[in-house]
Amino acid sequence: MISRRDFLQVSMAASAMVGASGFGNWARLAAQQTLTQDDLLQFDTYGNVSLIHVTDIHAQLMPIYFREPEINLGVGDARGQVPHVTGADFRKMYGIEDGSMSHYALTYNDFTSLAQAYGRVGGMDRVSTVINAIRADRPDALLLDGGDTWHGSYTCYQTQGQDMVNVMNALKPDAMTFHWEFTLGSERVNEIVEGLPFAALGQNIFDAEWDEPAELFPPYKFFERGGVNIAVIGQAFPYMPIANPGWMFPEYSFGIRDEHMQQMVDEVRAKGAECVVVLSHNGFDVDKKMAGRVKGIDVILSGHTHDALPEPVLVGETIVVASGSNGKFVSRVDLDIQNGKMMGFRHKLIPIFSDVITPDPVVTKVIEEQRAPYLDQLTEVIGQTDSLLYRRGNFNGTWDDLICQALIEEREADISMSPGVRWGPSILPGQDITREDIWNVTSMTYGEAYRTEMTGEFIHVIMEDVADNLFNVDPYYQQGGDMVRIGGMGYKIDVSKPQGSRISEMTLLKTGEAIDPSKTYQVAGWASVNEGTEGPQIWDVVESHIRKKGTVHVEPHENVKVTGV
């Protein structure tokens, strides 16, 4: 007798064969440049439940360019497994044609030329069009937002997240969970959440003083859709007080809390849940581990690590779905739920090609209203670039290289550090750089650019700590984003080594000398989690630097030597 896991494996294989994973037919059409909105939205409706997933929008209201990572290394059991496959290897794995729109959407190669051919991606009014089309087909579809929504742009900073709240309210989600939202400060977060017309979920958001679930963030909510009783459980980013300033939200604690997650799954099942969906901001590898430890979850909608996968990953009897970032994709997942069990699914990762999808005029109007008071500031041209400016990749991106250059020159430092955050659109060679572009890669509520003295030994400790956040073989100890970006210094990293032994050959680039553990260096950086950090705001530092340069040029560098992959 076939097991349910075997049945789901067959469902997965069938999805890939018939194009229900979403990339078979339209990839070929895109290669012929005949792709239409109808092609993007075509879906063979399946089962009795539909989920719509968006995540990690990072306040990107407008169409953008966004380059996927070139380097995304997996360690331990994740080595060589998706999402740690990039470029040509990724295209081969999913049968994606070179030069197609799917090549452009999902991999980094030839990004500039493909971007010039295929145009921008995203735009929340285009996202709304896709959501509306799914709802027209399945009126009771659940729209779920994975968080990192009220953060990442000029208007979001100026309005304390209200611009994104207004736009998302127009999209009418059913539930969301959280990460960067908490860097608005708990008072502001509480104020927004109390007024939300949909559920704000977090089974792992606890009252720090009493170590009890926080009342404002219920662990789950039930929805009856398609005759099925569905429980959606929220999972906020577990490492909030480590990766972000805990002093901004001192009354809350987080953590993975997978034992509590199991209790919640058991509880909702006991209350009659026929389908259990986890709306997660754990990150993909953490979600895979949780899926193997917590029994009874049907679907995990994964966020935080910005991965975009054209097919779900099956862990036991749980499917894990990754829906990208920056408004670039929407996932549709159709489920067949029978007698309290998921018997099959169909999935489509829908890329939001801005020139193909007609904007929803209702949401366009809301977006214009949010931007109107700031339009002159947003559109002011600060300089130009003759280099592709992008963020993403385990070790460096040209946007981060530019930020590091600005910190060294503007703050008169020997070495600079920029956080390995994943958010931020790309800028093509020959484009103007506007103030909005700068804020899209620097906007945060603790953006002070510090200048301080550090010994070589202390710099090494920082590097080792961040490397362990990224390359610890246990996903539950991977607490950060990508590797801290370094200006003015080169180093070697062996990702296969244990903590304390990964970083070596640290070199001061301006002299070529080895970093002396006992010597003091002037270090400039930004986004310190320490309360009371002083210095100019990073966006002002970067703007000043670009104005002086006029046209910026970022040379490719080989200052980071990676081994052990």
Protein backbone atom coordinates (compact mmCIF):
# COMPACT_ATOMS: atom_id res chain seq x y z
CA MET A 1 0.00 0.00 0.00
CA ILE A 2 1.38 3.40 -0.99
CA SER A 3 2.27 5.67 1.94
CA ARG A 4 1.21 9.31 2.11
CA ARG A 5 4.86 10.37 1.77
CA ASP A 6 5.16 8.24 -1.37
CA PHE A 7 1.91 9.77 -2.60
CA LEU A 8 3.32 13.26 -2.06
CA GLN A 9 6.55 12.29 -3.82
CA VAL A 10 4.48 11.19 -6.80
CA SER A 11 2.54 14.47 -6.54
CA MET A 12 5.84 16.38 -6.61
CA ALA A 13 7.11 14.44 -9.63
CA ALA A 14 3.83 14.86 -11.47
CA SER A 15 3.86 18.58 -10.76
CA ALA A 16 7.27 18.87 -12.36
CA MET A 17 6.22 16.85 -15.40
CA VAL A 18 3.00 18.71 -16.15
CA GLY A 19 4.37 22.15 -15.40
CA ALA A 20 2.42 22.64 -12.19
CA SER A 21 5.65 23.78 -10.58
CA GLY A 22 5.20 26.82 -12.79
CA PHE A 23 8.34 26.89 -14.88
CA GLY A 24 7.84 24.40 -17.70
CA ASN A 25 5.60 26.21 -20.17
CA TRP A 26 6.26 29.88 -19.50
CA ALA A 27 10.04 29.44 -19.52
CA ARG A 28 9.84 28.39 -23.15
CA LEU A 29 7.47 31.22 -23.99
CA ALA A 30 9.76 33.70 -22.27
CA ALA A 31 12.73 32.47 -24.30
CA GLN A 32 10.70 33.38 -27.40
CA GLN A 33 9.79 36.77 -25.84
CA THR A 34 6.08 35.98 -26.27
CA LEU A 35 5.21 35.80 -22.58
CA THR A 36 1.88 37.34 -21.58
CA GLN A 37 0.14 38.01 -18.30
CA ASP A 38 -2.21 35.11 -19.02
CA ASP A 39 0.78 32.79 -19.43
CA LEU A 40 2.17 33.86 -16.07
CA LEU A 41 -1.15 33.37 -14.32
CA GLN A 42 -2.21 30.13 -16.03
CA PHE A 43 -2.83 27.44 -13.42
CA ASP A 44 -4.74 24.18 -13.43
CA THR A 45 -6.82 24.62 -10.31
CA TYR A 46 -6.43 21.66 -8.01
CA GLY A 47 -7.87 20.26 -4.82
CA ASN A 48 -9.96 22.32 -2.43
CA VAL A 49 -7.56 24.83 -0.79
CA SER A 50 -5.37 27.61 -2.24
CA LEU A 51 -2.58 29.45 -0.41
CA ILE A 52 -1.00 32.67 -1.68
CA HIS A 53 2.39 33.51 -0.18
CA VAL A 54 4.44 36.72 -0.27
CA THR A 55 7.41 37.42 1.97
CA ASP A 56 10.43 39.67 2.52
CA ILE A 57 8.99 42.56 0.51
CA HIS A 58 11.23 45.03 2.40
CA ALA A 59 8.98 47.98 1.61
CA GLN A 60 9.60 47.84 -2.15
CA LEU A 61 6.46 49.43 -3.52
CA MET A 62 7.81 50.11 -7.00
CA PRO A 63 9.23 47.90 -9.78
CA ILE A 64 12.95 47.28 -9.31
CA TYR A 65 15.89 45.25 -10.58
CA PHE A 66 17.02 42.46 -8.27
CA ARG A 67 19.97 40.14 -8.93
CA GLU A 68 19.92 36.73 -7.30
CA PRO A 69 23.06 35.57 -5.43
CA GLU A 70 26.12 34.20 -7.17
CA ILE A 71 27.44 32.43 -4.07
CA ASN A 72 25.10 30.71 -1.62
CA LEU A 73 27.04 28.00 0.19
CA GLY A 74 25.48 25.23 2.21
CA VAL A 75 27.31 23.38 4.96
CA GLY A 76 26.68 20.07 6.68
CA ASP A 77 23.59 18.31 5.37
CA ALA A 78 22.68 21.40 3.31
CA ARG A 79 25.84 21.26 1.20
CA GLY A 80 24.91 21.08 -2.48
CA GLN A 81 21.19 21.11 -1.69
CA VAL A 82 18.73 23.83 -2.67
CA PRO A 83 18.66 26.70 -1.98
CA HIS A 84 22.48 26.42 -1.96
CA VAL A 85 22.70 25.96 -5.73
CA THR A 86 23.15 28.95 -8.03
CA GLY A 87 23.73 30.00 -11.62
CA ALA A 88 24.09 27.39 -14.34
CA ASP A 89 23.83 24.54 -11.82
CA PHE A 90 20.45 25.88 -10.69
CA ARG A 91 19.20 26.20 -14.25
CA LYS A 92 20.30 22.66 -15.05
CA MET A 93 18.57 21.34 -11.93
CA TYR A 94 15.22 22.86 -12.95
CA GLY A 95 15.51 22.62 -16.74
CA ILE A 96 15.64 26.39 -17.26
CA GLU A 97 16.75 27.58 -20.69
CA ASP A 98 19.70 29.95 -20.95
CA GLY A 99 18.62 33.46 -21.83
CA SER A 100 15.00 32.91 -20.81
CA MET A 101 13.04 35.09 -18.43
CA SER A 102 13.30 32.33 -15.85
CA HIS A 103 17.09 32.47 -16.23
CA TYR A 104 16.81 36.20 -15.56
CA ALA A 105 14.40 35.83 -12.66
CA LEU A 106 16.16 33.04 -10.79
CA THR A 107 19.91 33.26 -11.47
CA TYR A 108 22.64 35.87 -11.65
CA ASN A 109 24.48 35.12 -14.92
CA ASP A 110 24.32 37.79 -17.66
CA PHE A 111 22.15 39.83 -15.33
CA THR A 112 22.78 43.25 -16.90
CA SER A 113 22.02 42.22 -20.47
CA LEU A 114 18.96 40.19 -19.46
CA ALA A 115 17.68 43.02 -17.28
CA GLN A 116 17.95 45.41 -20.20
CA ALA A 117 16.00 42.95 -22.34
CA TYR A 118 13.32 41.89 -19.87
CA GLY A 119 12.92 44.90 -17.62
CA ARG A 120 12.12 45.42 -13.99
CA VAL A 121 10.42 43.06 -11.57
CA GLY A 122 8.03 43.58 -8.68
CA GLY A 123 5.80 46.50 -7.85
CA MET A 124 3.05 45.99 -5.31
CA ASP A 125 0.33 47.03 -7.76
CA ARG A 126 1.48 44.17 -10.02
CA VAL A 127 1.55 41.83 -7.03
CA SER A 128 -2.04 42.88 -6.36
CA THR A 129 -3.04 41.98 -9.93
CA VAL A 130 -1.67 38.47 -9.46
CA ILE A 131 -3.40 38.07 -6.10
CA ASN A 132 -6.68 39.29 -7.58
CA ALA A 133 -6.40 36.80 -10.43
CA ILE A 134 -5.84 33.89 -8.03
CA ARG A 135 -8.79 35.03 -5.94
CA ALA A 136 -10.96 35.26 -9.05
CA ASP A 137 -10.16 31.61 -9.68
CA ARG A 138 -10.32 30.55 -6.01
CA PRO A 139 -12.30 33.23 -4.12
CA ASP A 140 -11.51 31.86 -0.67
CA ALA A 141 -7.73 31.58 -1.17
CA LEU A 142 -5.65 32.46 1.90
CA LEU A 143 -3.15 35.33 1.45
CA LEU A 144 -0.26 35.00 3.92
CA ASP A 145 2.58 37.52 4.43
CA GLY A 146 5.84 36.09 5.80
CA GLY A 147 7.16 39.36 7.27
CA ASP A 148 10.02 41.79 6.63
CA THR A 149 7.30 44.00 5.20
CA TRP A 150 7.45 47.29 7.13
CA HIS A 151 11.15 47.91 6.55
CA GLY A 152 13.61 48.88 3.85
CA SER A 153 12.83 52.17 2.06
CA TYR A 154 12.83 55.95 2.40
CA THR A 155 9.05 56.24 2.72
CA CYS A 156 8.85 53.32 5.15
CA TYR A 157 11.42 55.02 7.40
CA GLN A 158 9.73 58.42 7.19
CA THR A 159 6.27 57.02 7.96
CA GLN A 160 7.40 54.45 10.55
CA GLY A 161 6.03 51.67 8.38
CA GLN A 162 2.66 53.26 7.68
CA ASP A 163 3.15 53.31 3.91
CA MET A 164 3.50 49.53 3.84
CA VAL A 165 0.65 49.03 6.29
CA ASN A 166 -1.64 51.04 4.02
CA VAL A 167 -0.61 49.18 0.88
CA MET A 168 -0.81 45.74 2.48
CA ASN A 169 -4.24 46.56 3.92
CA ALA A 170 -5.35 47.23 0.33
CA LEU A 171 -4.16 43.71 -0.60
CA LYS A 172 -6.23 42.24 2.27
CA PRO A 173 -3.96 39.52 3.66
CA ASP A 174 -5.35 37.00 6.12
CA ALA A 175 -2.28 36.81 8.38
CA MET A 176 1.35 37.84 8.73
CA THR A 177 4.39 37.19 10.90
CA PHE A 178 7.46 39.31 11.73
CA HIS A 179 11.16 40.16 11.75
CA TRP A 180 12.49 43.64 10.83
CA GLU A 181 9.13 45.13 11.79
CA PHE A 182 10.30 45.02 15.42
CA THR A 183 13.14 47.45 14.66
CA LEU A 184 10.47 50.15 14.48
CA GLY A 185 10.42 49.69 18.25
CA SER A 186 7.89 47.72 20.25
CA GLU A 187 5.70 50.74 20.98
CA ARG A 188 5.21 51.44 17.27
CA VAL A 189 4.80 47.74 16.43
CA ASN A 190 2.16 47.36 19.13
CA GLU A 191 0.34 50.43 17.83
CA ILE A 192 0.21 49.08 14.27
CA VAL A 193 -0.70 45.52 15.25
CA GLU A 194 -3.59 46.68 17.43
CA GLY A 195 -5.12 48.30 14.34
CA LEU A 196 -4.48 45.56 11.77
CA PRO A 197 -7.59 44.11 10.08
CA PHE A 198 -5.91 40.69 9.85
CA ALA A 199 -4.05 38.27 12.13
CA ALA A 200 -0.55 39.03 13.49
CA LEU A 201 0.82 35.61 14.40
CA GLY A 202 3.85 34.37 16.32
CA GLN A 203 3.86 31.18 18.38
CA ASN A 204 7.43 32.03 19.40
CA ILE A 205 6.80 35.66 20.45
CA PHE A 206 6.86 35.57 24.25
CA ASP A 207 6.61 38.07 27.09
CA ALA A 208 10.26 38.39 28.18
CA GLU A 209 9.47 38.97 31.86
CA TRP A 210 7.03 36.11 32.36
CA ASP A 211 8.24 33.75 29.60
CA GLU A 212 4.68 33.29 28.44
CA PRO A 213 3.17 33.74 24.96
CA ALA A 214 2.63 37.43 24.18
CA GLU A 215 -1.09 38.20 24.12
CA LEU A 216 -0.84 40.64 21.20
CA PHE A 217 0.56 37.94 18.90
CA PRO A 218 -1.62 34.80 18.99
CA PRO A 219 0.19 31.61 18.00
CA TYR A 220 -2.35 30.59 15.37
CA LYS A 221 -5.65 31.32 13.70
CA PHE A 222 -8.25 29.02 12.17
CA PHE A 223 -9.74 29.58 8.71
CA GLU A 224 -12.46 27.53 7.01
CA ARG A 225 -11.73 27.46 3.30
CA GLY A 226 -12.95 25.05 0.65
CA GLY A 227 -14.80 23.13 3.34
CA VAL A 228 -11.49 22.53 5.13
CA ASN A 229 -10.60 23.68 8.66
CA ILE A 230 -7.14 25.23 8.27
CA ALA A 231 -4.86 26.32 11.10
CA VAL A 232 -2.16 28.89 10.25
CA ILE A 233 0.63 29.04 12.86
CA GLY A 234 2.99 32.02 12.87
CA GLN A 235 6.74 31.71 13.40
CA ALA A 236 8.58 35.03 13.77
CA PHE A 237 12.34 35.38 13.23
CA PRO A 238 13.85 33.44 16.16
CA TYR A 239 17.03 35.46 16.70
CA MET A 240 15.60 38.96 16.87
CA PRO A 241 17.55 40.19 19.94
CA ILE A 242 20.82 38.76 18.54
CA ALA A 243 20.66 39.91 14.91
CA ASN A 244 18.87 43.18 15.76
CA PRO A 245 18.94 45.55 18.75
CA GLY A 246 17.11 43.87 21.63
CA TRP A 247 16.84 47.21 23.42
CA MET A 248 14.26 48.26 20.82
CA PHE A 249 11.80 45.58 21.95
CA PRO A 250 12.88 44.60 25.49
CA GLU A 251 9.52 43.21 26.59
CA TYR A 252 9.62 40.43 23.96
CA SER A 253 11.66 37.25 23.57
CA PHE A 254 11.71 34.90 20.62
CA GLY A 255 13.68 31.71 19.83
CA ILE A 256 12.85 28.75 17.62
CA ARG A 257 10.78 27.05 20.33
CA ASP A 258 10.13 23.92 18.29
CA GLU A 259 8.80 22.08 21.36
CA HIS A 260 6.18 24.80 21.72
CA MET A 261 5.54 24.56 17.96
CA GLN A 262 4.83 20.85 18.40
CA GLN A 263 2.42 21.70 21.22
CA MET A 264 0.66 24.20 18.94
CA VAL A 265 0.41 21.68 16.10
CA ASP A 266 -1.00 19.08 18.48
CA GLU A 267 -3.39 21.66 19.94
CA VAL A 268 -4.83 22.77 16.60
CA ARG A 269 -5.14 19.16 15.45
CA ALA A 270 -7.06 18.39 18.64
CA LYS A 271 -9.32 21.35 17.89
CA GLY A 272 -10.16 19.94 14.48
CA ALA A 273 -7.53 21.32 12.11
CA GLU A 274 -7.55 19.30 8.90
CA CYS A 275 -4.63 21.23 7.42
CA VAL A 276 -1.73 22.87 9.30
CA VAL A 277 0.23 25.68 7.64
CA VAL A 278 3.25 27.32 9.29
CA LEU A 279 3.85 30.90 8.17
CA SER A 280 7.55 31.15 8.96
CA HIS A 281 10.38 33.65 9.07
CA ASN A 282 12.94 31.08 10.23
CA GLY A 283 15.02 30.84 7.06
CA PHE A 284 14.95 27.88 4.71
CA ASP A 285 17.47 25.55 6.37
CA VAL A 286 15.94 26.17 9.79
CA ASP A 287 12.50 25.41 8.34
CA LYS A 288 13.79 22.14 6.87
CA LYS A 289 15.15 21.10 10.26
CA MET A 290 11.92 22.11 12.00
CA ALA A 291 9.92 20.11 9.46
CA GLY A 292 11.95 17.05 10.41
CA ARG A 293 11.44 17.58 14.15
CA VAL A 294 7.83 18.78 14.41
CA LYS A 295 5.22 16.29 13.26
CA GLY A 296 1.87 17.16 11.76
CA ILE A 297 2.75 20.22 9.63
CA ASP A 298 1.45 20.04 6.06
CA VAL A 299 3.03 23.20 4.61
CA ILE A 300 5.77 25.57 5.74
CA LEU A 301 5.76 28.90 3.89
CA SER A 302 9.39 29.91 4.36
CA GLY A 303 10.87 33.39 4.64
CA HIS A 304 13.94 35.35 5.81
CA THR A 305 16.66 33.88 3.57
CA HIS A 306 15.09 35.32 0.38
CA ASP A 307 15.30 32.04 -1.51
CA ALA A 308 13.16 31.61 -4.63
CA LEU A 309 12.55 27.98 -5.58
CA PRO A 310 10.37 26.84 -8.49
CA GLU A 311 9.36 23.69 -6.61
CA PRO A 312 8.68 22.97 -2.92
CA VAL A 313 11.09 20.76 -0.98
CA LEU A 314 9.57 17.72 0.70
CA VAL A 315 10.72 16.92 4.26
CA GLY A 316 8.92 13.85 5.52
CA GLU A 317 5.29 14.67 4.77
CA THR A 318 5.77 18.46 4.92
CA ILE A 319 6.28 20.65 1.86
CA VAL A 320 8.51 23.71 2.32
CA VAL A 321 7.83 26.62 -0.06
CA ALA A 322 10.26 29.50 -0.77
CA SER A 323 8.84 32.61 -2.43
CA GLY A 324 11.76 35.00 -2.94
CA SER A 325 11.91 38.62 -1.82
CA ASN A 326 11.48 42.31 -2.65
CA GLY A 327 8.06 41.75 -4.26
CA LYS A 328 9.69 39.76 -7.07
CA PHE A 329 7.54 36.61 -6.74
CA VAL A 330 4.18 35.35 -5.53
CA SER A 331 3.66 31.66 -4.71
CA ARG A 332 0.38 29.86 -5.30
CA VAL A 333 -0.04 26.49 -3.60
CA ASP A 334 -3.16 24.39 -4.23
CA LEU A 335 -3.78 21.52 -1.80
CA ASP A 336 -6.03 18.49 -1.90
CA ILE A 337 -7.13 17.93 1.71
CA GLN A 338 -9.14 14.79 2.32
CA ASN A 339 -10.15 13.41 5.73
CA GLY A 340 -7.67 15.63 7.54
CA LYS A 341 -4.70 14.71 5.34
CA MET A 342 -2.90 16.48 2.49
CA MET A 343 -3.15 14.04 -0.38
CA GLY A 344 -1.46 16.13 -3.04
CA PHE A 345 -0.56 19.64 -4.16
CA ARG A 346 0.20 21.90 -7.09
CA HIS A 347 2.51 24.88 -6.83
CA LYS A 348 3.54 27.80 -8.97
CA LEU A 349 6.19 30.41 -8.24
CA ILE A 350 4.92 33.39 -10.22
CA PRO A 351 7.57 35.97 -11.17
CA ILE A 352 6.31 39.54 -11.16
CA PHE A 353 7.62 40.79 -14.52
CA SER A 354 6.63 44.44 -14.29
CA ASP A 355 6.31 45.05 -18.02
CA VAL A 356 4.09 42.00 -18.53
CA ILE A 357 1.64 42.34 -15.64
CA THR A 358 -0.93 45.17 -15.73
CA PRO A 359 -0.91 47.20 -12.48
CA ASP A 360 -3.99 47.14 -10.27
CA PRO A 361 -5.16 50.79 -10.47
CA VAL A 362 -6.62 50.71 -6.97
CA VAL A 363 -3.26 49.79 -5.42
CA THR A 364 -1.37 52.09 -7.80
CA LYS A 365 -3.38 54.97 -6.34
CA VAL A 366 -2.55 53.91 -2.77
CA ILE A 367 1.15 53.68 -3.63
CA GLU A 368 1.13 57.11 -5.25
CA GLU A 369 -0.50 58.57 -2.13
CA GLN A 370 2.28 57.15 0.07
CA ARG A 371 5.04 58.51 -2.16
CA ALA A 372 3.58 61.90 -3.07
CA PRO A 373 4.82 63.88 0.00
CA TYR A 374 8.39 62.65 -0.58
CA LEU A 375 8.61 62.50 -4.37
CA ASP A 376 11.15 65.32 -4.78
CA GLN A 377 13.50 63.75 -2.22
CA LEU A 378 13.06 60.25 -3.64
CA THR A 379 13.80 61.19 -7.24
CA GLU A 380 16.75 63.55 -6.70
CA VAL A 381 19.73 62.26 -8.68
CA ILE A 382 22.86 61.95 -6.51
CA GLY A 383 25.21 60.46 -9.11
CA GLN A 384 25.59 57.71 -11.67
CA THR A 385 27.15 54.26 -11.79
CA ASP A 386 29.15 52.58 -14.50
CA SER A 387 29.14 49.33 -12.50
CA LEU A 388 26.34 46.89 -11.73
CA LEU A 389 25.40 47.57 -8.12
CA TYR A 390 23.89 44.57 -6.37
CA ARG A 391 23.60 43.03 -2.95
CA ARG A 392 23.46 39.28 -2.18
CA GLY A 393 26.02 36.55 -2.03
CA ASN A 394 27.67 35.05 1.02
CA PHE A 395 30.74 37.32 1.02
CA ASN A 396 30.30 40.50 -0.96
CA GLY A 397 28.17 42.54 -3.30
CA THR A 398 29.08 45.68 -5.21
CA TRP A 399 26.55 47.82 -3.31
CA ASP A 400 28.24 46.73 -0.09
CA ASP A 401 31.68 47.36 -1.59
CA LEU A 402 30.56 50.91 -2.40
CA ILE A 403 29.20 51.41 1.12
CA CYS A 404 32.51 50.16 2.55
CA GLN A 405 34.44 52.56 0.32
CA ALA A 406 32.24 55.43 1.49
CA LEU A 407 32.84 54.54 5.16
CA ILE A 408 36.63 54.44 4.73
CA GLU A 409 36.85 57.71 2.82
CA GLU A 410 34.16 59.71 4.60
CA ARG A 411 35.05 58.50 8.10
CA GLU A 412 38.84 58.34 7.57
CA ALA A 413 39.15 54.71 8.61
CA ASP A 414 41.60 51.89 7.93
CA ILE A 415 38.92 49.22 7.77
CA SER A 416 35.16 49.31 7.26
CA MET A 417 32.37 46.89 8.06
CA SER A 418 28.91 46.67 6.52
CA PRO A 419 26.29 44.17 7.71
CA GLY A 420 25.57 41.17 5.49
CA VAL A 421 21.89 41.98 5.05
CA ARG A 422 20.12 40.45 2.05
CA TRP A 423 17.64 43.18 1.19
CA GLY A 424 18.12 45.89 -1.43
CA PRO A 425 17.50 46.23 -5.19
CA SER A 426 20.14 46.34 -7.92
CA ILE A 427 21.19 49.26 -10.15
CA LEU A 428 22.30 48.70 -13.76
CA PRO A 429 25.45 50.23 -15.28
CA GLY A 430 24.68 53.62 -16.79
CA GLN A 431 21.77 54.31 -14.47
CA ASP A 432 21.36 57.36 -12.29
CA ILE A 433 21.61 56.77 -8.56
CA THR A 434 18.76 58.53 -6.78
CA ARG A 435 18.30 59.16 -3.09
CA GLU A 436 15.66 56.43 -3.12
CA ASP A 437 18.23 53.96 -4.44
CA ILE A 438 20.61 54.75 -1.57
CA TRP A 439 17.89 54.37 1.04
CA ASN A 440 16.77 51.08 -0.50
CA VAL A 441 20.06 49.54 0.65
CA THR A 442 20.64 51.51 3.87
CA SER A 443 17.28 52.31 5.45
CA MET A 444 16.96 51.14 9.04
CA THR A 445 16.17 52.63 12.41
CA TYR A 446 19.71 52.21 13.74
CA GLY A 447 21.74 53.44 10.77
CA GLU A 448 24.39 55.45 12.66
CA ALA A 449 27.85 55.17 11.07
CA TYR A 450 30.27 54.68 13.95
CA ARG A 451 34.05 55.15 13.98
CA THR A 452 36.01 53.35 16.66
CA GLU A 453 39.30 51.69 17.49
CA MET A 454 39.57 47.90 17.36
CA THR A 455 42.53 45.61 17.90
CA GLY A 456 43.37 43.05 15.27
CA GLU A 457 42.40 40.37 17.76
CA PHE A 458 38.95 41.88 18.28
CA ILE A 459 38.38 42.17 14.50
CA HIS A 460 39.20 38.48 14.22
CA VAL A 461 36.70 37.64 16.97
CA ILE A 462 33.97 39.57 15.14
CA MET A 463 34.74 37.81 11.88
CA GLU A 464 34.66 34.38 13.51
CA ASP A 465 31.37 35.08 15.27
CA VAL A 466 29.64 36.24 12.09
CA ALA A 467 31.08 33.31 10.11
CA ASP A 468 29.62 30.88 12.64
CA ASN A 469 26.22 32.52 12.26
CA LEU A 470 26.42 31.65 8.58
CA PHE A 471 28.37 28.38 8.43
CA ASN A 472 27.53 26.46 11.59
CA VAL A 473 26.56 22.98 10.42
CA ASP A 474 23.50 23.06 12.69
CA PRO A 475 20.89 25.35 11.06
CA TYR A 476 19.52 26.24 14.50
CA TYR A 477 22.77 28.12 15.19
CA GLN A 478 22.69 30.10 11.95
CA GLN A 479 21.54 33.39 13.42
CA GLY A 480 22.50 36.05 10.91
CA GLY A 481 22.34 37.01 7.26
CA ASP A 482 25.33 36.80 4.95
CA MET A 483 28.95 37.40 5.96
CA VAL A 484 29.86 40.86 7.25
CA ARG A 485 31.24 42.90 4.35
CA ILE A 486 34.77 44.22 4.86
CA GLY A 487 36.47 47.19 3.25
CA GLY A 488 40.20 47.85 3.46
CA MET A 489 41.01 44.30 4.55
CA GLY A 490 41.40 40.93 2.89
CA TYR A 491 41.07 37.53 4.53
CA LYS A 492 40.81 33.80 3.94
CA ILE A 493 37.89 31.73 5.19
CA ASP A 494 37.61 27.95 5.40
CA VAL A 495 33.89 27.31 5.76
CA SER A 496 34.47 23.67 6.72
CA LYS A 497 36.35 24.53 9.93
CA PRO A 498 34.76 24.91 13.38
CA GLN A 499 34.12 28.24 15.09
CA GLY A 500 37.32 30.10 15.92
CA SER A 501 39.31 28.44 13.13
CA ARG A 502 37.65 29.67 9.94
CA ILE A 503 39.29 33.08 9.46
CA SER A 504 42.98 33.50 8.61
CA GLU A 505 45.43 35.61 6.57
CA MET A 506 43.79 38.90 7.54
CA THR A 507 45.61 41.63 5.60
CA LEU A 508 45.43 45.43 5.63
CA LEU A 509 45.04 46.23 1.93
CA LYS A 510 46.57 49.71 1.92
CA THR A 511 49.91 48.38 3.21
CA GLY A 512 49.77 44.68 2.37
CA GLU A 513 50.76 43.92 5.95
CA ALA A 514 49.20 41.19 8.04
CA ILE A 515 46.71 42.38 10.63
CA ASP A 516 48.52 42.48 13.96
CA PRO A 517 46.37 41.04 16.79
CA SER A 518 47.85 43.52 19.27
CA LYS A 519 47.72 46.60 17.03
CA THR A 520 44.83 49.09 17.04
CA TYR A 521 43.03 50.03 13.81
CA GLN A 522 40.49 52.72 12.98
CA VAL A 523 37.29 50.93 12.00
CA ALA A 524 34.13 52.48 10.56
CA GLY A 525 30.84 50.65 10.29
CA TRP A 526 27.11 50.95 10.70
CA ALA A 527 24.06 49.11 12.03
CA SER A 528 25.55 48.41 15.44
CA VAL A 529 23.10 46.66 17.75
CA ASN A 530 24.54 48.58 20.72
CA GLU A 531 22.32 51.25 22.25
CA GLY A 532 23.67 54.79 22.12
CA THR A 533 25.85 54.33 19.02
CA GLU A 534 26.87 57.74 17.67
CA GLY A 535 27.72 58.94 14.19
CA PRO A 536 26.17 60.32 11.00
CA GLN A 537 23.44 58.26 9.35
CA ILE A 538 24.79 55.79 6.80
CA TRP A 539 22.61 57.13 3.98
CA ASP A 540 24.15 60.57 4.45
CA VAL A 541 27.65 59.08 4.39
CA VAL A 542 26.94 57.18 1.17
CA GLU A 543 25.21 60.16 -0.45
CA SER A 544 28.17 62.43 0.32
CA HIS A 545 30.58 59.88 -1.15
CA ILE A 546 28.57 59.43 -4.36
CA ARG A 547 28.17 63.20 -4.83
CA LYS A 548 31.94 63.63 -4.64
CA LYS A 549 32.57 60.82 -7.11
CA GLY A 550 29.88 61.85 -9.58
CA THR A 551 30.10 58.52 -11.34
CA VAL A 552 30.93 55.54 -9.17
CA HIS A 553 32.96 52.56 -10.27
CA VAL A 554 33.33 49.40 -8.22
CA GLU A 555 36.15 47.09 -9.24
CA PRO A 556 35.63 43.35 -8.80
CA HIS A 557 37.92 42.16 -6.04
CA GLU A 558 39.42 38.95 -4.77
CA ASN A 559 40.03 40.09 -1.23
CA VAL A 560 38.08 37.16 0.23
CA LYS A 561 39.55 33.72 -0.47
CA VAL A 562 37.09 30.91 0.24
CA THR A 563 38.08 27.29 0.87
CA GLY A 564 36.39 24.21 2.30
CA VAL A 565 33.39 24.39 -0.04
